[in-house]
Protein backbone atom coordinates (compact mmCIF):
# COMPACT_ATOMS: atom_id res chain seq x y z
CA MET A 1 -15.88 -0.87 0.77
CA LEU A 2 -14.02 -0.20 4.07
CA ARG A 3 -12.72 -3.42 5.63
CA GLY A 4 -10.71 -1.85 8.45
CA GLN A 5 -8.39 0.91 9.50
CA LEU A 6 -5.13 1.20 11.38
CA PRO A 7 -4.32 3.77 14.09
CA PRO A 8 -3.61 7.27 12.75
CA LEU A 9 -0.10 8.35 11.80
CA THR A 10 1.25 11.85 12.34
CA THR A 11 3.12 12.88 9.19
CA VAL A 12 4.54 16.04 7.65
CA VAL A 13 1.44 16.31 5.42
CA GLY A 14 -1.00 15.83 8.33
CA ARG A 15 -2.80 13.00 10.08
CA VAL A 16 -2.98 9.86 7.92
CA VAL A 17 -5.13 6.77 8.43
CA VAL A 18 -4.31 3.60 6.51
CA CYS A 19 -7.43 1.68 5.51
CA GLU A 20 -7.97 -1.70 3.97
CA VAL A 21 -10.61 -1.46 1.27
CA ASP A 22 -12.51 -4.10 -0.64
CA LEU A 23 -12.13 -3.74 -4.39
CA ARG A 24 -13.96 -6.41 -6.36
CA ALA A 25 -11.42 -6.29 -9.17
CA PHE A 26 -8.94 -8.13 -6.94
CA PRO A 27 -9.04 -11.75 -5.71
CA PRO A 28 -9.51 -12.40 -1.96
CA HIS A 29 -5.78 -13.03 -1.40
CA THR A 30 -4.97 -9.48 -2.61
CA HIS A 31 -5.32 -6.80 0.06
CA VAL A 32 -5.67 -3.17 -0.96
CA TYR A 33 -4.56 -0.45 1.44
CA VAL A 34 -5.29 3.25 0.97
CA ALA A 35 -3.62 6.10 2.87
CA VAL A 36 -6.18 8.79 3.73
CA VAL A 37 -5.04 12.25 4.82
CA THR A 38 -7.77 12.90 7.41
CA GLU A 39 -6.38 16.17 8.81
CA PRO A 40 -4.15 17.83 6.20
CA GLU A 41 -1.54 20.41 7.15
CA PRO A 42 -2.20 23.84 5.58
CA HIS A 43 0.72 23.39 3.14
CA TYR A 44 -0.55 20.03 1.82
CA GLY A 45 -2.25 20.53 -1.52
CA GLY A 46 -2.74 16.94 -2.58
CA GLY A 47 -5.69 14.56 -2.67
CA ARG A 48 -7.13 13.30 0.57
CA LEU A 49 -6.71 9.71 -0.66
CA ALA A 50 -2.99 9.89 -1.21
CA MET A 51 -1.54 6.40 -1.69
CA ILE A 52 -2.60 2.89 -2.64
CA VAL A 53 -0.70 -0.35 -1.94
CA THR A 54 -1.66 -3.83 -3.11
CA VAL A 55 -0.33 -6.83 -1.19
CA ASN A 56 -0.73 -10.47 -2.18
CA ASP A 57 -0.86 -12.88 0.74
CA PRO A 58 0.21 -16.37 -0.39
CA ARG A 59 -1.21 -17.90 2.81
CA GLU A 60 -4.69 -16.93 1.54
CA ALA A 61 -4.20 -17.94 -2.10
CA PRO A 62 -6.13 -20.94 -3.44
CA ARG A 63 -4.32 -24.23 -2.94
CA GLU A 64 -4.04 -24.94 -6.67
CA LEU A 65 -2.34 -21.58 -7.20
CA ARG A 66 0.13 -22.26 -4.36
CA GLU A 67 0.91 -25.76 -5.64
CA ASN A 68 1.28 -24.76 -9.32
CA PRO A 69 2.40 -21.13 -9.32
CA LEU A 70 3.01 -19.25 -12.52
CA PRO A 71 6.73 -18.52 -13.07
CA ASP A 72 6.23 -14.77 -12.55
CA ALA A 73 4.20 -15.20 -9.33
CA VAL A 74 7.14 -14.14 -7.17
CA TRP A 75 4.83 -13.54 -4.22
CA LEU A 76 4.20 -17.31 -4.00
CA ARG A 77 7.86 -18.10 -3.33
CA ASP A 78 8.97 -19.40 0.04
CA PRO A 79 8.66 -18.23 2.68
CA PRO A 80 4.94 -17.47 2.29
CA GLU A 81 4.85 -13.79 3.27
CA PRO A 82 2.48 -10.94 2.37
CA THR A 83 4.21 -9.33 -0.60
CA VAL A 84 3.83 -5.88 -2.14
CA THR A 85 2.69 -6.23 -5.73
CA ASN A 86 2.07 -2.56 -6.56
CA LEU A 87 2.12 0.82 -4.91
CA TYR A 88 1.46 4.37 -5.93
CA ALA A 89 1.72 7.62 -4.00
CA ARG A 90 0.32 10.83 -5.43
CA PRO A 91 2.98 13.48 -6.13
CA ALA A 92 2.01 15.74 -3.19
CA PHE A 93 2.36 12.74 -0.81
CA ARG A 94 5.88 11.99 -2.04
CA ARG A 95 8.52 13.83 -0.06
CA LYS A 96 12.24 14.10 -0.63
CA ASP A 97 13.33 14.66 2.97
CA VAL A 98 14.71 12.10 5.42
CA PRO A 99 13.19 8.68 4.52
CA ALA A 100 11.79 8.11 8.03
CA ARG A 101 9.77 11.35 7.72
CA ARG A 102 8.31 10.55 4.31
CA PRO A 103 4.57 9.81 4.62
CA ALA A 104 4.74 6.94 2.10
CA VAL A 105 7.54 5.32 4.14
CA GLN A 106 5.57 5.77 7.37
CA VAL A 107 2.60 4.02 5.72
CA GLY A 108 4.81 1.14 4.57
CA ARG A 109 6.42 0.78 7.99
CA GLN A 110 3.04 0.68 9.70
CA LEU A 111 1.94 -2.12 7.37
CA ARG A 112 5.21 -3.99 8.00
CA GLU A 113 5.04 -3.58 11.78
CA ARG A 114 1.55 -5.08 11.74
CA GLU A 115 2.82 -7.91 9.50
CA LEU A 116 0.43 -6.92 6.70
CA LEU A 117 3.43 -6.45 4.38
CA LEU A 118 6.57 -8.50 4.95
CA ARG A 119 8.23 -8.81 1.54
CA HIS A 120 8.72 -6.50 -1.41
CA SER A 121 8.32 -7.31 -5.07
CA THR A 122 11.32 -8.31 -7.18
CA MET A 123 10.01 -5.97 -9.89
CA ARG A 124 10.40 -2.37 -8.70
CA SER A 125 11.12 1.06 -10.10
CA ALA A 126 14.13 2.96 -8.78
CA ASP A 127 11.76 4.93 -6.49
CA GLY A 128 10.08 1.67 -5.42
CA ASP A 129 13.46 0.19 -4.60
CA ARG A 130 14.33 3.17 -2.36
CA TRP A 131 10.88 2.91 -0.71
CA ALA A 132 11.37 -0.82 -0.05
CA GLU A 133 14.79 -0.24 1.53
CA ALA A 134 13.39 2.55 3.75
CA VAL A 135 10.32 0.52 4.81
CA GLY A 136 12.29 -2.61 5.64
CA GLY A 137 11.20 -6.21 5.69
CA THR A 138 12.42 -8.73 3.15
CA VAL A 139 13.79 -6.83 0.16
CA PRO A 140 14.69 -9.43 -2.47
CA SER A 141 17.15 -8.70 -5.25
CA LEU A 142 15.75 -6.69 -8.09
CA GLU A 143 14.89 -9.05 -10.96
CA GLU A 144 13.35 -6.42 -13.19
CA GLU A 145 13.35 -2.64 -12.97
CA THR A 146 9.99 -1.31 -13.99
CA VAL A 147 9.32 2.01 -15.61
CA GLY A 148 5.70 3.09 -15.82
CA SER A 149 3.83 -0.21 -15.51
CA GLY A 150 0.44 1.47 -15.99
CA PHE A 151 -0.45 0.95 -12.34
CA GLY A 152 0.04 4.66 -11.63
CA SER A 153 -2.63 5.80 -14.08
CA TRP A 154 -5.06 3.14 -12.79
CA ALA A 155 -4.25 4.14 -9.19
CA GLU A 156 -4.90 7.85 -9.89
CA ARG A 157 -8.31 7.03 -11.39
CA GLU A 158 -9.15 4.66 -8.53
CA LEU A 159 -8.13 7.14 -5.83
CA ASP A 160 -10.21 9.83 -7.58
CA ARG A 161 -13.18 7.44 -7.73
CA MET A 162 -12.88 6.56 -4.04
CA GLU A 163 -12.55 10.23 -3.06
CA ARG A 164 -16.06 10.78 -4.44
CA GLN A 165 -17.39 8.16 -2.01
CA SER A 166 -18.21 8.84 1.63
CA TRP A 167 -16.68 5.80 3.42
CA TRP A 168 -13.53 7.73 4.41
CA HIS A 169 -15.14 10.94 5.74
CA HIS A 170 -15.35 9.91 9.42
CA LEU A 171 -12.57 7.37 9.78
CA GLU A 172 -11.14 8.24 13.17
CA ALA A 173 -14.59 8.19 14.77
CA GLN A 174 -15.08 4.59 13.60
CA ARG A 175 -11.97 3.15 15.30
CA LEU A 176 -12.08 -0.18 13.53
CA GLY A 177 -9.40 -2.80 14.05
CA PRO A 178 -6.96 -3.97 11.39
CA GLY A 179 -8.45 -5.12 8.12
CA ARG A 180 -7.96 -8.80 8.87
């Protein structure tokens, strides 16, 4: 389940560790990152698994997919960069203060700084567009504004499912390297 973890982040909701997890529902070129609130602040009332981000890496996609991409496979466009395909942050993890202090933005910036996320999707919600701008990296023009793609309900169920597992209980003691 746990493929790796990044160094802890200090956020307004508490200490957060970003982990790469292995979910069999996704192909090998799709990386799934989960933000785990390992040491919540007293005011934080949200789930310990607070955010999920999926990133497609075209450099790891099968050759036939790279050579004959589907028209909507924006993540396969040049240059070949790891591209956000979906993200979801639970309501308690979403903050409305200065973007640099928002936990979800800190998670995105950590992924970008480690070159695990370099480009954003061309299909984003208004909130996703603001997140992409705050995180930085390549932010292509918006081709389609999404409203409730269904990923949020799947992500809530998946985060709930993973919270019932034990892989995340002792993250900082494990001190693994990046997921790749």
